[in-house]
């Protein structure tokens, strides 16, 4: 597993999620409820993708044998999981 790519993807998804939430809030303020509903669906999809990324990281973490050779990798995974 490439942790740098995974972290970048998680950060991209989090940024996308915030952007969608802002846009959804603006749509609600403008009473554009169809757009808000579409954005709510996108928000749900991105949230689910983030949950899947988290599950994949947890599964990978659980597959690692804790020994000194991979402590740095384990620490990196834990930091990424904390950020999700």
Protein backbone atom coordinates (compact mmCIF):
# COMPACT_ATOMS: atom_id res chain seq x y z
CA UNK A 1 0.00 0.00 0.00
CA UNK A 2 1.35 3.40 -0.97
CA UNK A 3 0.65 5.54 2.11
CA UNK A 4 1.56 8.82 0.43
CA UNK A 5 -0.95 8.25 -2.36
CA UNK A 6 -3.55 7.12 0.16
CA UNK A 7 -3.02 10.21 2.29
CA UNK A 8 -3.25 12.46 -0.79
CA UNK A 9 -6.49 10.77 -1.85
CA UNK A 10 -7.98 11.18 1.63
CA UNK A 11 -7.03 14.86 1.70
CA UNK A 12 -8.55 15.32 -1.78
CA UNK A 13 -11.77 13.65 -0.64
CA UNK A 14 -11.95 15.76 2.51
CA UNK A 15 -11.47 18.94 0.46
CA UNK A 16 -14.14 17.80 -1.98
CA UNK A 17 -16.49 17.08 0.92
CA UNK A 18 -16.05 20.56 2.39
CA UNK A 19 -16.57 22.12 -1.03
CA UNK A 20 -19.79 20.14 -1.53
CA UNK A 21 -21.04 21.12 1.93
CA UNK A 22 -20.43 24.81 1.24
CA UNK A 23 -22.12 24.59 -2.15
CA UNK A 24 -25.06 22.70 -0.62
CA UNK A 25 -25.46 25.34 2.08
CA UNK A 26 -25.48 28.07 -0.57
CA UNK A 27 -28.08 26.16 -2.60
CA UNK A 28 -30.31 25.88 0.46
CA UNK A 29 -29.96 29.61 1.16
CA UNK A 30 -30.97 30.29 -2.44
CA UNK A 31 -33.85 27.83 -2.04
CA UNK A 32 -32.53 25.69 -4.90
CA UNK A 33 -33.65 22.47 -3.28
CA UNK A 34 -33.09 20.26 -6.33
CA UNK A 35 -29.45 21.30 -6.45
CA UNK A 36 -29.17 20.84 -2.68
CA UNK A 37 -30.59 17.33 -2.99
CA UNK A 38 -28.07 16.47 -5.73
CA UNK A 39 -25.27 17.83 -3.58
CA UNK A 40 -26.52 15.86 -0.58
CA UNK A 41 -26.20 12.69 -2.70
CA UNK A 42 -22.66 13.66 -3.74
CA UNK A 43 -21.85 14.39 -0.10
CA UNK A 44 -23.09 10.93 0.84
CA UNK A 45 -20.98 9.29 -1.91
CA UNK A 46 -17.80 11.09 -0.84
CA UNK A 47 -18.48 10.24 2.80
CA UNK A 48 -18.90 6.58 1.89
CA UNK A 49 -15.66 6.65 -0.11
CA UNK A 50 -13.86 8.09 2.92
CA UNK A 51 -15.35 5.36 5.13
CA UNK A 52 -14.13 2.73 2.65
CA UNK A 53 -10.64 4.25 2.63
CA UNK A 54 -10.63 4.14 6.43
CA UNK A 55 -11.73 0.48 6.45
CA UNK A 56 -9.02 -0.41 3.93
CA UNK A 57 -6.38 1.30 6.06
CA UNK A 58 -7.61 -0.44 9.21
CA UNK A 59 -7.57 -3.80 7.45
CA UNK A 60 -4.05 -3.19 6.20
CA UNK A 61 -2.95 -2.03 9.66
CA UNK A 62 -4.37 -5.17 11.24
CA UNK A 63 -2.49 -7.32 8.73
CA UNK A 64 0.88 -5.91 9.78
CA UNK A 65 2.98 -7.78 12.29
CA UNK A 66 4.20 -5.32 14.90
CA UNK A 67 7.97 -5.42 14.82
CA UNK A 68 10.67 -2.76 14.70
CA UNK A 69 11.01 -2.99 10.92
CA UNK A 70 7.53 -1.61 10.26
CA UNK A 71 6.90 0.68 13.23
CA UNK A 72 7.28 3.76 11.04
CA UNK A 73 4.68 2.46 8.61
CA UNK A 74 2.30 1.63 11.47
CA UNK A 75 2.77 5.12 12.89
CA UNK A 76 2.06 6.68 9.48
CA UNK A 77 -1.14 4.67 9.15
CA UNK A 78 -2.28 5.72 12.61
CA UNK A 79 -1.67 9.38 11.77
CA UNK A 80 -3.69 9.07 8.56
CA UNK A 81 -6.53 7.30 10.39
CA UNK A 82 -6.59 10.08 12.98
CA UNK A 83 -7.09 12.62 10.20
CA UNK A 84 -10.10 10.87 8.69
